[in-house]
Protein backbone atom coordinates (compact mmCIF):
# COMPACT_ATOMS: atom_id res chain seq x y z
CA UNK A 1 0.00 0.00 0.00
CA UNK A 2 1.33 3.45 -0.93
CA UNK A 3 1.99 6.02 1.77
CA UNK A 4 0.10 9.31 1.73
CA UNK A 5 3.22 11.19 0.60
CA UNK A 6 3.66 9.06 -2.55
CA UNK A 7 0.04 9.44 -3.72
CA UNK A 8 -0.77 12.71 -5.51
CA UNK A 9 -3.52 14.71 -3.78
CA UNK A 10 -6.91 14.26 -5.43
CA UNK A 11 -8.99 16.85 -7.15
CA UNK A 12 -10.89 19.58 -5.34
CA UNK A 13 -13.68 21.73 -6.73
CA UNK A 14 -14.16 25.37 -5.89
CA UNK A 15 -17.33 27.35 -6.41
CA UNK A 16 -16.68 29.67 -8.14
CA UNK A 17 -14.22 27.76 -10.30
CA UNK A 18 -11.89 30.45 -11.68
CA UNK A 19 -12.47 33.96 -10.29
CA UNK A 20 -14.09 36.03 -7.57
CA UNK A 21 -15.79 39.31 -8.48
CA UNK A 22 -16.09 42.22 -6.06
CA UNK A 23 -18.48 45.00 -7.12
CA UNK A 24 -18.09 48.67 -6.25
CA UNK A 25 -18.32 50.77 -4.13
CA UNK A 26 -14.90 50.07 -2.65
CA UNK A 27 -15.18 52.45 0.32
CA UNK A 28 -16.79 49.60 2.33
CA UNK A 29 -15.68 46.07 3.16
CA UNK A 30 -17.10 43.31 0.92
CA UNK A 31 -17.32 39.58 1.65
CA UNK A 32 -17.67 36.81 -0.93
CA UNK A 33 -18.18 33.16 -0.03
CA UNK A 34 -16.47 30.33 -1.86
CA UNK A 35 -16.99 26.62 -1.41
CA UNK A 36 -14.17 24.07 -1.41
CA UNK A 37 -15.22 20.47 -2.01
CA UNK A 38 -12.88 17.51 -1.54
CA UNK A 39 -13.99 15.24 -4.37
CA UNK A 40 -11.14 12.80 -3.79
CA UNK A 41 -11.19 9.52 -1.85
CA UNK A 42 -8.56 10.69 0.68
CA UNK A 43 -8.55 13.15 3.58
CA UNK A 44 -6.77 16.36 2.61
CA UNK A 45 -5.62 19.49 4.37
CA UNK A 46 -5.93 22.84 2.64
CA UNK A 47 -4.64 26.37 3.11
CA UNK A 48 -5.52 29.61 1.36
CA UNK A 49 -3.00 32.35 0.69
CA UNK A 50 -3.39 35.73 -0.96
CA UNK A 51 -0.92 37.88 -2.83
CA UNK A 52 -2.41 41.04 -1.25
CA UNK A 53 -2.81 40.55 2.50
CA UNK A 54 -3.45 44.29 3.00
CA UNK A 55 -6.65 44.24 0.93
CA UNK A 56 -7.79 40.59 0.98
CA UNK A 57 -8.60 38.32 3.94
CA UNK A 58 -9.75 34.71 4.25
CA UNK A 59 -11.69 33.01 7.06
CA UNK A 60 -10.96 30.26 7.87
CA UNK A 61 -7.50 30.29 6.25
CA UNK A 62 -6.91 26.52 6.52
CA UNK A 63 -8.53 23.23 7.48
CA UNK A 64 -8.93 19.50 6.91
CA UNK A 65 -11.57 17.87 4.70
CA UNK A 66 -12.66 14.24 4.65
CA UNK A 67 -13.52 12.63 1.30
CA UNK A 68 -16.61 14.24 -0.28
CA UNK A 69 -16.71 16.90 2.47
CA UNK A 70 -17.03 20.62 1.69
CA UNK A 71 -16.37 23.87 3.54
CA UNK A 72 -17.57 27.45 3.02
CA UNK A 73 -14.87 30.13 3.12
CA UNK A 74 -15.38 33.89 3.52
CA UNK A 75 -13.10 36.00 1.31
CA UNK A 76 -13.18 39.65 2.30
CA UNK A 77 -11.97 42.76 0.53
CA UNK A 78 -11.27 45.72 2.80
CA UNK A 79 -12.14 49.26 1.73
CA UNK A 80 -9.55 50.85 -0.57
CA UNK A 81 -9.11 53.65 -3.12
CA UNK A 82 -9.89 51.89 -6.40
CA UNK A 83 -8.66 54.82 -8.54
CA UNK A 84 -5.10 54.64 -7.19
CA UNK A 85 -4.76 50.90 -6.49
CA UNK A 86 -3.18 48.31 -8.78
CA UNK A 87 -5.64 45.42 -8.70
CA UNK A 88 -4.50 43.65 -11.87
CA UNK A 89 -2.73 40.73 -10.18
CA UNK A 90 -4.90 40.15 -7.10
CA UNK A 91 -5.67 36.49 -6.44
CA UNK A 92 -6.09 33.89 -3.76
CA UNK A 93 -4.25 30.60 -3.92
CA UNK A 94 -5.77 27.37 -2.64
CA UNK A 95 -3.15 24.74 -1.75
CA UNK A 96 -3.91 21.19 -0.62
CA UNK A 97 -2.13 17.96 0.18
CA UNK A 98 -2.97 14.53 1.55
CA UNK A 99 -2.95 14.08 5.31
CA UNK A 100 -0.87 11.21 6.74
CA UNK A 101 -2.65 7.88 7.23
CA UNK A 102 -4.25 7.70 10.67
CA UNK A 103 -3.62 11.37 11.51
CA UNK A 104 -6.15 13.26 13.61
CA UNK A 105 -8.49 15.62 11.77
CA UNK A 106 -6.56 18.66 12.92
CA UNK A 107 -4.61 20.94 10.57
CA UNK A 108 -0.82 20.82 10.81
CA UNK A 109 1.39 23.13 8.72
CA UNK A 110 4.10 20.43 8.73
CA UNK A 111 2.03 18.42 6.23
CA UNK A 112 2.78 21.08 3.61
CA UNK A 113 6.50 21.03 4.46
CA UNK A 114 7.02 17.26 4.18
CA UNK A 115 7.97 15.24 1.10
CA UNK A 116 4.35 14.89 -0.08
CA UNK A 117 2.98 16.61 -3.17
CA UNK A 118 1.14 19.91 -2.81
CA UNK A 119 -1.39 20.97 -5.43
CA UNK A 120 -2.29 24.58 -6.09
CA UNK A 121 -5.21 26.43 -7.67
CA UNK A 122 -5.39 30.17 -8.36
CA UNK A 123 -8.65 32.11 -8.11
CA UNK A 124 -8.25 35.52 -9.70
CA UNK A 125 -9.92 38.55 -8.15
CA UNK A 126 -11.86 40.81 -10.50
CA UNK A 127 -13.01 44.27 -9.42
CA UNK A 128 -16.13 45.60 -11.13
CA UNK A 129 -16.24 49.40 -10.89
């Protein structure tokens, strides 16, 4: 039997699939909900990063999902001056990897730092003035 580090992490689905759209006005905080679904047959751990931590926030930022389990994530965009901000490269990055066999269902950052494979999916942020 293969160990969890030698098996590539399965596929996840996100809703939305490719991008998140925030509508104006941008002088107030906006929150958009995304769903992450573990469609694989193995337990995975996931973490979400952003390339603009000043403007974008994620809650919860990480977790563990059993096979076929899903979680709802709040992505927030703080108020900012749209006219003077460079928003062209804003995105969030969903990373996931298999959890070790028999591990408790509690997130551990070490699982991303081990020899196992980590998969990554980018969700671009679009701002609609």
